[in-house]
Amino acid sequence: MDRDITATATTTPPQGPEGDVDAGAYEVLRRRLSAQAGELVRRAEALNVRRTEEFGSTELRLLATEQVRTEHASVPRDLVAVGGQLLFGFER
């Protein structure tokens, strides 16, 4: 009786020393990427502090919410203040 080894090879993870090496490589890469992500966060925060010191900062705070109704079902695309009015752009 012939056995189909292609199905077993694609569904079964590697066993033995080769499987350990693959798992080890994964952990090494994961640790390196995690360290680089931490460094990127640290540098982005430092850059943001310098930007705030240089240009100042204004806190964005939501003052109110409203529900906009249109004649037809639509998808909001943009909002802009024009002369004391709020212009609502949408796509049907």
Protein backbone atom coordinates (compact mmCIF):
# COMPACT_ATOMS: atom_id res chain seq x y z
CA MET A 1 0.00 0.00 0.00
CA ASP A 2 1.44 3.37 -1.07
CA ARG A 3 1.42 6.15 1.45
CA ASP A 4 1.05 9.79 0.41
CA ILE A 5 3.95 11.55 2.11
CA THR A 6 3.19 14.99 0.64
CA ALA A 7 0.14 15.44 2.86
CA THR A 8 2.13 14.51 5.97
CA ALA A 9 5.02 16.76 5.06
CA THR A 10 2.84 19.85 4.67
CA THR A 11 0.70 19.35 7.78
CA THR A 12 3.21 17.99 10.30
CA PRO A 13 5.79 20.38 11.81
CA PRO A 14 9.43 19.29 11.53
CA GLN A 15 10.58 16.89 14.23
CA GLY A 16 14.02 16.40 15.72
CA PRO A 17 16.99 18.78 15.73
CA GLU A 18 15.89 20.65 12.60
CA GLY A 19 12.58 21.57 14.25
CA ASP A 20 14.47 22.88 17.29
CA VAL A 21 16.68 25.02 15.07
CA ASP A 22 13.64 26.50 13.32
CA ALA A 23 11.96 27.27 16.65
CA GLY A 24 15.21 28.80 17.93
CA ALA A 25 15.54 30.99 14.85
CA TYR A 26 11.96 32.14 15.29
CA GLU A 27 12.62 33.12 18.90
CA VAL A 28 15.84 34.94 17.95
CA LEU A 29 14.04 36.89 15.23
CA ARG A 30 11.13 37.62 17.54
CA ARG A 31 13.44 38.99 20.25
CA ARG A 32 15.33 41.13 17.72
CA LEU A 33 12.13 42.56 16.26
CA SER A 34 10.76 43.22 19.73
CA ALA A 35 13.94 45.07 20.71
CA GLN A 36 13.84 47.12 17.50
CA ALA A 37 10.17 47.95 18.08
CA GLY A 38 10.99 49.16 21.59
CA GLU A 39 13.81 51.33 20.25
CA LEU A 40 11.51 52.76 17.56
CA VAL A 41 8.90 53.68 20.19
CA ARG A 42 11.56 55.34 22.35
CA ARG A 43 12.90 57.37 19.42
CA ALA A 44 9.41 58.39 18.25
CA GLU A 45 8.53 59.60 21.75
CA ALA A 46 11.78 61.58 21.97
CA LEU A 47 11.09 63.14 18.58
CA ASN A 48 7.57 64.06 19.68
CA VAL A 49 8.93 65.74 22.82
CA ARG A 50 11.37 67.79 20.70
CA ARG A 51 8.59 68.67 18.23
CA THR A 52 6.33 69.82 21.07
CA GLU A 53 9.13 71.95 22.56
CA GLU A 54 9.88 73.54 19.18
CA PHE A 55 6.39 74.12 17.81
CA GLY A 56 4.17 73.92 20.87
CA SER A 57 1.17 71.71 21.23
CA THR A 58 -2.56 72.06 21.34
CA GLU A 59 -4.66 69.41 22.96
CA LEU A 60 -7.33 67.97 20.72
CA ARG A 61 -10.45 67.38 22.72
CA LEU A 62 -13.89 66.30 21.59
CA LEU A 63 -16.43 68.91 22.72
CA ALA A 64 -19.59 67.29 21.39
CA THR A 65 -20.93 64.65 19.04
CA GLU A 66 -23.75 64.83 16.54
CA GLN A 67 -25.41 62.42 14.20
CA VAL A 68 -25.58 63.61 10.59
CA ARG A 69 -28.51 62.37 8.54
CA THR A 70 -28.69 62.53 4.75
CA GLU A 71 -31.46 61.71 2.29
CA HIS A 72 -29.56 58.67 1.05
CA ALA A 73 -27.26 56.18 2.69
CA SER A 74 -23.78 57.70 2.52
CA VAL A 75 -20.22 57.33 3.70
CA PRO A 76 -18.62 60.39 5.38
CA ARG A 77 -15.43 61.52 3.63
CA ASP A 78 -14.40 64.91 5.02
CA LEU A 79 -15.35 67.81 7.30
CA VAL A 80 -14.17 71.40 7.01
CA ALA A 81 -15.13 74.68 8.69
CA VAL A 82 -16.05 77.40 6.18
CA GLY A 83 -17.00 80.84 7.51
CA GLY A 84 -18.52 79.58 10.76
CA GLN A 85 -20.33 76.71 9.01
CA LEU A 86 -19.37 73.06 8.92
CA LEU A 87 -19.19 71.58 5.43
CA PHE A 88 -19.77 67.82 5.43
CA GLY A 89 -18.48 65.85 2.44
CA PHE A 90 -19.90 62.42 1.76
CA GLU A 91 -20.00 59.72 -0.88
CA ARG A 92 -23.18 57.90 -1.85
